[in-house]
Amino acid sequence: MAPKKNDDILTYNGKMLLRKGNEIYYGSPDGKYMVIFKILETEKLKDLDIATKVIVELRTNEKENSQLMRQAERDSLYKAFDIGFYWLDDALANY
């Protein structure tokens, strides 16, 4: 399923997808959990920066009191999205 842009907010599978610098946030602002993708390293491929080291974190969505639930490192953004999207869906289904 391709990302959709609703009212200037990018969504994927009905959840917000927001980038701020080298961090990508995925989830509902009102949801219990959120996934954060932290891009630590990139490589140039022609004129594009390709992520080569990404930290994936599943966190509770409690602003200042947010707790880390799971964490992993992946060597591409695709692999990071794969595990992060699964973690969030699983956590929300078991909440």
PDB file of N, CA and C in Angstrom:
ATOM      1  N   MET A   1       0.845  -1.177   0.000  1.00  0.00           N
ATOM      2  CA  MET A   1       0.000   0.000   0.000  1.00  0.00           C
ATOM      3  C   MET A   1       0.886   1.234   0.000  1.00  0.00           C
ATOM      4  N   ALA A   2       0.623   2.144  -0.902  1.00  0.00           N
ATOM      5  CA  ALA A   2       1.422   3.357  -1.035  1.00  0.00           C
ATOM      6  C   ALA A   2       1.038   4.388   0.019  1.00  0.00           C
ATOM      7  N   PRO A   3       2.012   5.201   0.444  1.00  0.00           N
ATOM      8  CA  PRO A   3       1.691   6.259   1.396  1.00  0.00           C
ATOM      9  C   PRO A   3       0.669   7.229   0.796  1.00  0.00           C
ATOM     10  N   LYS A   4      -0.199   7.782   1.628  1.00  0.00           N
ATOM     11  CA  LYS A   4      -1.192   8.759   1.193  1.00  0.00           C
ATOM     12  C   LYS A   4      -0.954  10.063   1.926  1.00  0.00           C
ATOM     13  N   LYS A   5      -1.298  11.148   1.266  1.00  0.00           N
ATOM     14  CA  LYS A   5      -1.138  12.461   1.881  1.00  0.00           C
ATOM     15  C   LYS A   5      -2.527  13.036   2.120  1.00  0.00           C
ATOM     16  N   ASN A   6      -2.927  13.139   3.382  1.00  0.00           N
ATOM     17  CA  ASN A   6      -4.225  13.687   3.767  1.00  0.00           C
ATOM     18  C   ASN A   6      -4.008  14.963   4.548  1.00  0.00           C
ATOM     19  N   ASP A   7      -4.523  16.084   4.020  1.00  0.00           N
ATOM     20  CA  ASP A   7      -4.412  17.362   4.724  1.00  0.00           C
ATOM     21  C   ASP A   7      -2.975  17.675   5.115  1.00  0.00           C
ATOM     22  N   ASP A   8      -2.039  17.489   4.215  1.00  0.00           N
ATOM     23  CA  ASP A   8      -0.621  17.785   4.411  1.00  0.00           C
ATOM     24  C   ASP A   8       0.068  16.892   5.440  1.00  0.00           C
ATOM     25  N   ILE A   9      -0.557  15.789   5.837  1.00  0.00           N
ATOM     26  CA  ILE A   9       0.077  14.830   6.738  1.00  0.00           C
ATOM     27  C   ILE A   9       0.224  13.513   5.983  1.00  0.00           C
ATOM     28  N   LEU A  10       1.439  13.033   5.878  1.00  0.00           N
ATOM     29  CA  LEU A  10       1.695  11.775   5.196  1.00  0.00           C
ATOM     30  C   LEU A  10       1.270  10.622   6.100  1.00  0.00           C
ATOM     31  N   THR A  11       0.480   9.689   5.564  1.00  0.00           N
ATOM     32  CA  THR A  11       0.049   8.532   6.346  1.00  0.00           C
ATOM     33  C   THR A  11       0.364   7.256   5.581  1.00  0.00           C
ATOM     34  N   TYR A  12       0.515   6.177   6.334  1.00  0.00           N
ATOM     35  CA  TYR A  12       0.713   4.853   5.760  1.00  0.00           C
ATOM     36  C   TYR A  12      -0.096   3.887   6.623  1.00  0.00           C
ATOM     37  N   ASN A  13      -0.964   3.111   5.998  1.00  0.00           N
ATOM     38  CA  ASN A  13      -1.867   2.199   6.710  1.00  0.00           C
ATOM     39  C   ASN A  13      -2.661   2.917   7.801  1.00  0.00           C
ATOM     40  N   GLY A  14      -3.045   4.152   7.534  1.00  0.00           N
ATOM     41  CA  GLY A  14      -3.872   4.902   8.465  1.00  0.00           C
ATOM     42  C   GLY A  14      -3.132   5.521   9.643  1.00  0.00           C
ATOM     43  N   LYS A  15      -1.818   5.424   9.649  1.00  0.00           N
ATOM     44  CA  LYS A  15      -1.026   5.994  10.744  1.00  0.00           C
ATOM     45  C   LYS A  15      -0.105   7.089  10.197  1.00  0.00           C
ATOM     46  N   MET A  16       0.142   8.098  11.015  1.00  0.00           N
ATOM     47  CA  MET A  16       0.980   9.223  10.639  1.00  0.00           C
ATOM     48  C   MET A  16       2.424   8.778  10.397  1.00  0.00           C
ATOM     49  N   LEU A  17       3.043   9.349   9.386  1.00  0.00           N
ATOM     50  CA  LEU A  17       4.453   9.120   9.067  1.00  0.00           C
ATOM     51  C   LEU A  17       5.083  10.496   8.932  1.00  0.00           C
ATOM     52  N   LEU A  18       5.945  10.877   9.894  1.00  0.00           N
ATOM     53  CA  LEU A  18       6.484  12.228   9.971  1.00  0.00           C
ATOM     54  C   LEU A  18       7.996  12.184  10.110  1.00  0.00           C
ATOM     55  N   ARG A  19       8.679  12.988   9.303  1.00  0.00           N
ATOM     56  CA  ARG A  19      10.137  13.065   9.398  1.00  0.00           C
ATOM     57  C   ARG A  19      10.539  14.406   9.990  1.00  0.00           C
ATOM     58  N   LYS A  20      11.495  14.328  10.931  1.00  0.00           N
ATOM     59  CA  LYS A  20      12.075  15.533  11.525  1.00  0.00           C
ATOM     60  C   LYS A  20      13.578  15.307  11.579  1.00  0.00           C
ATOM     61  N   GLY A  21      14.301  15.946  10.679  1.00  0.00           N
ATOM     62  CA  GLY A  21      15.744  15.740  10.597  1.00  0.00           C
ATOM     63  C   GLY A  21      16.052  14.306  10.199  1.00  0.00           C
ATOM     64  N   ASN A  22      16.836  13.611  11.014  1.00  0.00           N
ATOM     65  CA  ASN A  22      17.191  12.220  10.742  1.00  0.00           C
ATOM     66  C   ASN A  22      16.323  11.235  11.518  1.00  0.00           C
ATOM     67  N   GLU A  23      15.181  11.679  11.995  1.00  0.00           N
ATOM     68  CA  GLU A  23      14.262  10.804  12.709  1.00  0.00           C
ATOM     69  C   GLU A  23      12.933  10.742  11.968  1.00  0.00           C
ATOM     70  N   ILE A  24      12.353   9.548  11.914  1.00  0.00           N
ATOM     71  CA  ILE A  24      11.045   9.339  11.302  1.00  0.00           C
ATOM     72  C   ILE A  24      10.139   8.747  12.364  1.00  0.00           C
ATOM     73  N   TYR A  25       8.985   9.372  12.568  1.00  0.00           N
ATOM     74  CA  TYR A  25       8.021   8.931  13.563  1.00  0.00           C
ATOM     75  C   TYR A  25       6.854   8.266  12.840  1.00  0.00           C
ATOM     76  N   TYR A  26       6.404   7.117  13.363  1.00  0.00           N
ATOM     77  CA  TYR A  26       5.302   6.389  12.750  1.00  0.00           C
ATOM     78  C   TYR A  26       4.321   5.956  13.828  1.00  0.00           C
ATOM     79  N   GLY A  27       3.056   6.313  13.645  1.00  0.00           N
ATOM     80  CA  GLY A  27       2.014   5.928  14.582  1.00  0.00           C
ATOM     81  C   GLY A  27       0.984   7.025  14.708  1.00  0.00           C
ATOM     82  N   SER A  28      -0.008   6.772  15.513  1.00  0.00           N
ATOM     83  CA  SER A  28      -1.062   7.749  15.758  1.00  0.00           C
ATOM     84  C   SER A  28      -0.664   8.618  16.949  1.00  0.00           C
ATOM     85  N   PRO A  29      -0.842   9.934  16.852  1.00  0.00           N
ATOM     86  CA  PRO A  29      -0.506  10.806  17.984  1.00  0.00           C
ATOM     87  C   PRO A  29      -1.294  10.452  19.246  1.00  0.00           C
ATOM     88  N   ASP A  30      -2.478   9.865  19.086  1.00  0.00           N
ATOM     89  CA  ASP A  30      -3.298   9.487  20.230  1.00  0.00           C
ATOM     90  C   ASP A  30      -3.128   8.025  20.623  1.00  0.00           C
ATOM     91  N   GLY A  31      -2.297   7.292  19.897  1.00  0.00           N
ATOM     92  CA  GLY A  31      -2.118   5.856  20.155  1.00  0.00           C
ATOM     93  C   GLY A  31      -1.262   5.589  21.381  1.00  0.00           C
ATOM     94  N   LYS A  32      -1.297   4.365  21.843  1.00  0.00           N
ATOM     95  CA  LYS A  32      -0.531   3.944  23.018  1.00  0.00           C
ATOM     96  C   LYS A  32       0.965   3.836  22.700  1.00  0.00           C
ATOM     97  N   TYR A  33       1.306   3.456  21.453  1.00  0.00           N
ATOM     98  CA  TYR A  33       2.703   3.249  21.063  1.00  0.00           C
ATOM     99  C   TYR A  33       3.046   4.030  19.807  1.00  0.00           C
ATOM    100  N   MET A  34       4.350   4.245  19.612  1.00  0.00           N
ATOM    101  CA  MET A  34       4.865   4.898  18.417  1.00  0.00           C
ATOM    102  C   MET A  34       6.228   4.281  18.088  1.00  0.00           C
ATOM    103  N   VAL A  35       6.553   4.239  16.809  1.00  0.00           N
ATOM    104  CA  VAL A  35       7.860   3.748  16.381  1.00  0.00           C
ATOM    105  C   VAL A  35       8.683   4.941  15.906  1.00  0.00           C
ATOM    106  N   ILE A  36       9.938   4.952  16.320  1.00  0.00           N
ATOM    107  CA  ILE A  36      10.866   5.998  15.896  1.00  0.00           C
ATOM    108  C   ILE A  36      12.022   5.337  15.156  1.00  0.00           C
ATOM    109  N   PHE A  37      12.291   5.828  13.951  1.00  0.00           N
ATOM    110  CA  PHE A  37      13.408   5.347  13.138  1.00  0.00           C
ATOM    111  C   PHE A  37      14.476   6.438  13.164  1.00  0.00           C
ATOM    112  N   LYS A  38      15.659   6.105  13.676  1.00  0.00           N
ATOM    113  CA  LYS A  38      16.756   7.070  13.761  1.00  0.00           C
ATOM    114  C   LYS A  38      17.821   6.694  12.735  1.00  0.00           C
ATOM    115  N   ILE A  39      17.998   7.549  11.733  1.00  0.00           N
ATOM    116  CA  ILE A  39      18.985   7.303  10.678  1.00  0.00           C
ATOM    117  C   ILE A  39      20.334   7.793  11.188  1.00  0.00           C
ATOM    118  N   LEU A  40      21.255   6.844  11.413  1.00  0.00           N
ATOM    119  CA  LEU A  40      22.561   7.189  11.981  1.00  0.00           C
ATOM    120  C   LEU A  40      23.639   7.370  10.919  1.00  0.00           C
ATOM    121  N   GLU A  41      23.559   6.581   9.835  1.00  0.00           N
ATOM    122  CA  GLU A  41      24.567   6.671   8.776  1.00  0.00           C
ATOM    123  C   GLU A  41      23.890   6.597   7.416  1.00  0.00           C
ATOM    124  N   THR A  42      24.477   7.323   6.457  1.00  0.00           N
ATOM    125  CA  THR A  42      23.988   7.279   5.082  1.00  0.00           C
ATOM    126  C   THR A  42      25.169   7.137   4.131  1.00  0.00           C
ATOM    127  N   GLU A  43      24.852   6.708   2.914  1.00  0.00           N
ATOM    128  CA  GLU A  43      25.828   6.572   1.842  1.00  0.00           C
ATOM    129  C   GLU A  43      25.291   7.288   0.620  1.00  0.00           C
ATOM    130  N   LYS A  44      26.156   7.914  -0.148  1.00  0.00           N
ATOM    131  CA  LYS A  44      25.739   8.578  -1.385  1.00  0.00           C
ATOM    132  C   LYS A  44      25.594   7.548  -2.502  1.00  0.00           C
ATOM    133  N   LEU A  45      24.482   7.630  -3.214  1.00  0.00           N
ATOM    134  CA  LEU A  45      24.261   6.843  -4.421  1.00  0.00           C
ATOM    135  C   LEU A  45      23.818   7.846  -5.466  1.00  0.00           C
ATOM    136  N   LYS A  46      24.774   8.240  -6.314  1.00  0.00           N
ATOM    137  CA  LYS A  46      24.585   9.345  -7.251  1.00  0.00           C
ATOM    138  C   LYS A  46      24.236  10.595  -6.451  1.00  0.00           C
ATOM    139  N   ASP A  47      23.019  11.123  -6.582  1.00  0.00           N
ATOM    140  CA  ASP A  47      22.667  12.344  -5.839  1.00  0.00           C
ATOM    141  C   ASP A  47      21.738  12.069  -4.653  1.00  0.00           C
ATOM    142  N   LEU A  48      21.559  10.797  -4.283  1.00  0.00           N
ATOM    143  CA  LEU A  48      20.682  10.431  -3.171  1.00  0.00           C
ATOM    144  C   LEU A  48      21.472   9.967  -1.958  1.00  0.00           C
ATOM    145  N   ASP A  49      20.972  10.278  -0.764  1.00  0.00           N
ATOM    146  CA  ASP A  49      21.526   9.732   0.471  1.00  0.00           C
ATOM    147  C   ASP A  49      20.708   8.494   0.829  1.00  0.00           C
ATOM    148  N   ILE A  50      21.367   7.342   0.941  1.00  0.00           N
ATOM    149  CA  ILE A  50      20.718   6.073   1.260  1.00  0.00           C
ATOM    150  C   ILE A  50      21.099   5.682   2.683  1.00  0.00           C
ATOM    151  N   ALA A  51      20.096   5.391   3.514  1.00  0.00           N
ATOM    152  CA  ALA A  51      20.354   5.012   4.908  1.00  0.00           C
ATOM    153  C   ALA A  51      21.061   3.660   4.960  1.00  0.00           C
ATOM    154  N   THR A  52      22.153   3.591   5.720  1.00  0.00           N
ATOM    155  CA  THR A  52      22.902   2.336   5.867  1.00  0.00           C
ATOM    156  C   THR A  52      22.956   1.858   7.311  1.00  0.00           C
ATOM    157  N   LYS A  53      22.493   2.691   8.236  1.00  0.00           N
ATOM    158  CA  LYS A  53      22.426   2.297   9.644  1.00  0.00           C
ATOM    159  C   LYS A  53      21.237   3.017  10.276  1.00  0.00           C
ATOM    160  N   VAL A  54      20.249   2.218  10.697  1.00  0.00           N
ATOM    161  CA  VAL A  54      19.015   2.778  11.247  1.00  0.00           C
ATOM    162  C   VAL A  54      18.692   2.082  12.563  1.00  0.00           C
ATOM    163  N   ILE A  55      18.418   2.859  13.596  1.00  0.00           N
ATOM    164  CA  ILE A  55      17.952   2.327  14.874  1.00  0.00           C
ATOM    165  C   ILE A  55      16.424   2.396  14.866  1.00  0.00           C
ATOM    166  N   VAL A  56      15.783   1.291  15.231  1.00  0.00           N
ATOM    167  CA  VAL A  56      14.322   1.212  15.309  1.00  0.00           C
ATOM    168  C   VAL A  56      13.946   1.111  16.777  1.00  0.00           C
ATOM    169  N   GLU A  57      13.033   1.971  17.224  1.00  0.00           N
ATOM    170  CA  GLU A  57      12.584   1.935  18.616  1.00  0.00           C
ATOM    171  C   GLU A  57      11.062   1.905  18.672  1.00  0.00           C
ATOM    172  N   LEU A  58      10.518   0.954  19.414  1.00  0.00           N
ATOM    173  CA  LEU A  58       9.102   0.951  19.753  1.00  0.00           C
ATOM    174  C   LEU A  58       9.010   1.572  21.138  1.00  0.00           C
ATOM    175  N   ARG A  59       8.262   2.682  21.242  1.00  0.00           N
ATOM    176  CA  ARG A  59       8.171   3.418  22.499  1.00  0.00           C
ATOM    177  C   ARG A  59       6.716   3.648  22.867  1.00  0.00           C
ATOM    178  N   THR A  60       6.466   3.796  24.170  1.00  0.00           N
ATOM    179  CA  THR A  60       5.146   4.220  24.599  1.00  0.00           C
ATOM    180  C   THR A  60       4.993   5.681  24.191  1.00  0.00           C
ATOM    181  N   ASN A  61       3.793   6.080  23.900  1.00  0.00           N
ATOM    182  CA  ASN A  61       3.540   7.423  23.388  1.00  0.00           C
ATOM    183  C   ASN A  61       3.058   8.324  24.519  1.00  0.00           C
ATOM    184  N   GLU A  62       3.986   8.642  25.449  1.00  0.00           N
ATOM    185  CA  GLU A  62       3.638   9.426  26.630  1.00  0.00           C
ATOM    186  C   GLU A  62       4.502  10.681  26.755  1.00  0.00           C
ATOM    187  N   LYS A  63       4.941  11.219  25.643  1.00  0.00           N
ATOM    188  CA  LYS A  63       5.756  12.423  25.584  1.00  0.00           C
ATOM    189  C   LYS A  63       6.994  12.345  26.483  1.00  0.00           C
ATOM    190  N   GLU A  64       7.067  13.097  27.568  1.00  0.00           N
ATOM    191  CA  GLU A  64       8.264  13.122  28.416  1.00  0.00           C
ATOM    192  C   GLU A  64       8.504  11.802  29.140  1.00  0.00           C
ATOM    193  N   ASN A  65       7.454  11.040  29.423  1.00  0.00           N
ATOM    194  CA  ASN A  65       7.578   9.781  30.164  1.00  0.00           C
ATOM    195  C   ASN A  65       7.615   8.563  29.247  1.00  0.00           C
ATOM    196  N   SER A  66       7.942   8.760  27.996  1.00  0.00           N
ATOM    197  CA  SER A  66       7.976   7.672  27.024  1.00  0.00           C
ATOM    198  C   SER A  66       8.984   6.600  27.447  1.00  0.00           C
ATOM    199  N   GLN A  67       8.566   5.340  27.341  1.00  0.00           N
ATOM    200  CA  GLN A  67       9.450   4.229  27.714  1.00  0.00           C
ATOM    201  C   GLN A  67       9.801   3.401  26.482  1.00  0.00           C
ATOM    202  N   LEU A  68      11.054   2.982  26.407  1.00  0.00           N
ATOM    203  CA  LEU A  68      11.518   2.127  25.326  1.00  0.00           C
ATOM    204  C   LEU A  68      11.013   0.707  25.566  1.00  0.00           C
ATOM    205  N   MET A  69      10.305   0.152  24.583  1.00  0.00           N
ATOM    206  CA  MET A  69       9.771  -1.199  24.692  1.00  0.00           C
ATOM    207  C   MET A  69      10.653  -2.205  23.930  1.00  0.00           C
ATOM    208  N   ARG A  70      11.099  -1.826  22.744  1.00  0.00           N
ATOM    209  CA  ARG A  70      11.947  -2.679  21.912  1.00  0.00           C
ATOM    210  C   ARG A  70      12.886  -1.800  21.106  1.00  0.00           C
ATOM    211  N   GLN A  71      14.049  -2.376  20.757  1.00  0.00           N
ATOM    212  CA  GLN A  71      15.014  -1.629  19.954  1.00  0.00           C
ATOM    213  C   GLN A  71      15.803  -2.608  19.087  1.00  0.00           C
ATOM    214  N   ALA A  72      16.110  -2.179  17.865  1.00  0.00           N
ATOM    215  CA  ALA A  72      16.916  -2.993  16.952  1.00  0.00           C
ATOM    216  C   ALA A  72      17.690  -2.062  16.020  1.00  0.00           C
ATOM    217  N   GLU A  73      18.697  -2.608  15.385  1.00  0.00           N
ATOM    218  CA  GLU A  73      19.472  -1.870  14.390  1.00  0.00           C
ATOM    219  C   GLU A  73      19.356  -2.611  13.067  1.00  0.00           C
ATOM    220  N   ARG A  74      19.135  -1.885  11.980  1.00  0.00           N
ATOM    221  CA  ARG A  74      19.031  -2.473  10.651  1.00  0.00           C
ATOM    222  C   ARG A  74      19.946  -1.714   9.698  1.00  0.00           C
ATOM    223  N   ASP A  75      20.306  -2.381   8.589  1.00  0.00           N
ATOM    224  CA  ASP A  75      21.258  -1.788   7.646  1.00  0.00           C
ATOM    225  C   ASP A  75      20.585  -1.097   6.457  1.00  0.00           C
ATOM    226  N   SER A  76      19.268  -0.936   6.493  1.00  0.00           N
ATOM    227  CA  SER A  76      18.568  -0.164   5.467  1.00  0.00           C
ATOM    228  C   SER A  76      17.246   0.340   6.032  1.00  0.00           C
ATOM    229  N   LEU A  77      16.742   1.385   5.424  1.00  0.00           N
ATOM    230  CA  LEU A  77      15.466   1.930   5.872  1.00  0.00           C
ATOM    231  C   LEU A  77      14.332   0.939   5.591  1.00  0.00           C
ATOM    232  N   TYR A  78      14.429   0.221   4.478  1.00  0.00           N
ATOM    233  CA  TYR A  78      13.415  -0.787   4.136  1.00  0.00           C
ATOM    234  C   TYR A  78      13.316  -1.851   5.235  1.00  0.00           C
ATOM    235  N   LYS A  79      14.453  -2.378   5.659  1.00  0.00           N
ATOM    236  CA  LYS A  79      14.456  -3.402   6.710  1.00  0.00           C
ATOM    237  C   LYS A  79      13.989  -2.833   8.045  1.00  0.00           C
ATOM    238  N   ALA A  80      14.332  -1.575   8.313  1.00  0.00           N
ATOM    239  CA  ALA A  80      13.894  -0.923   9.545  1.00  0.00           C
ATOM    240  C   ALA A  80      12.377  -0.739   9.536  1.00  0.00           C
ATOM    241  N   PHE A  81      11.825  -0.282   8.400  1.00  0.00           N
ATOM    242  CA  PHE A  81      10.374  -0.141   8.285  1.00  0.00           C
ATOM    243  C   PHE A  81       9.685  -1.488   8.458  1.00  0.00           C
ATOM    244  N   ASP A  82      10.239  -2.528   7.876  1.00  0.00           N
ATOM    245  CA  ASP A  82       9.641  -3.860   7.956  1.00  0.00           C
ATOM    246  C   ASP A  82       9.441  -4.289   9.410  1.00  0.00           C
ATOM    247  N   ILE A  83      10.463  -4.186  10.228  1.00  0.00           N
ATOM    248  CA  ILE A  83      10.354  -4.611  11.626  1.00  0.00           C
ATOM    249  C   ILE A  83       9.560  -3.598  12.457  1.00  0.00           C
ATOM    250  N   GLY A  84       9.741  -2.316  12.197  1.00  0.00           N
ATOM    251  CA  GLY A  84       9.034  -1.289  12.963  1.00  0.00           C
ATOM    252  C   GLY A  84       7.529  -1.315  12.751  1.00  0.00           C
ATOM    253  N   PHE A  85       7.095  -1.472  11.509  1.00  0.00           N
ATOM    254  CA  PHE A  85       5.658  -1.546  11.222  1.00  0.00           C
ATOM    255  C   PHE A  85       5.055  -2.777  11.881  1.00  0.00           C
ATOM    256  N   TYR A  86       5.785  -3.894  11.852  1.00  0.00           N
ATOM    257  CA  TYR A  86       5.296  -5.128  12.491  1.00  0.00           C
ATOM    258  C   TYR A  86       5.172  -4.935  14.001  1.00  0.00           C
ATOM    259  N   TRP A  87       6.207  -4.380  14.627  1.00  0.00           N
ATOM    260  CA  TRP A  87       6.194  -4.166  16.082  1.00  0.00           C
ATOM    261  C   TRP A  87       5.000  -3.317  16.505  1.00  0.00           C
ATOM    262  N   LEU A  88       4.764  -2.225  15.760  1.00  0.00           N
ATOM    263  CA  LEU A  88       3.673  -1.338  16.139  1.00  0.00           C
ATOM    264  C   LEU A  88       2.323  -2.031  15.990  1.00  0.00           C
ATOM    265  N   ASP A  89       2.095  -2.715  14.878  1.00  0.00           N
ATOM    266  CA  ASP A  89       0.828  -3.432  14.678  1.00  0.00           C
ATOM    267  C   ASP A  89       0.622  -4.500  15.758  1.00  0.00           C
ATOM    268  N   ASP A  90       1.691  -5.220  16.086  1.00  0.00           N
ATOM    269  CA  ASP A  90       1.615  -6.265  17.109  1.00  0.00           C
ATOM    270  C   ASP A  90       1.318  -5.659  18.478  1.00  0.00           C
ATOM    271  N   ALA A  91       1.997  -4.584  18.830  1.00  0.00           N
ATOM    272  CA  ALA A  91       1.796  -3.940  20.135  1.00  0.00           C
ATOM    273  C   ALA A  91       0.376  -3.400  20.265  1.00  0.00           C
ATOM    274  N   LEU A  92      -0.130  -2.777  19.202  1.00  0.00           N
ATOM    275  CA  LEU A  92      -1.493  -2.226  19.244  1.00  0.00           C
ATOM    276  C   LEU A  92      -2.543  -3.325  19.280  1.00  0.00           C
ATOM    277  N   ALA A  93      -2.284  -4.452  18.629  1.00  0.00           N
ATOM    278  CA  ALA A  93      -3.227  -5.575  18.632  1.00  0.00           C
ATOM    279  C   ALA A  93      -3.295  -6.235  19.999  1.00  0.00           C
ATOM    280  N   ASN A  94      -2.188  -6.217  20.748  1.00  0.00           N
ATOM    281  CA  ASN A  94      -2.136  -6.853  22.064  1.00  0.00           C
ATOM    282  C   ASN A  94      -2.388  -5.883  23.210  1.00  0.00           C
ATOM    283  N   TYR A  95      -2.686  -4.630  22.903  1.00  0.00           N
ATOM    284  CA  TYR A  95      -2.922  -3.606  23.934  1.00  0.00           C
ATOM    285  C   TYR A  95      -4.287  -3.761  24.543  1.00  0.00           C
TER     286      TYR A  95
END
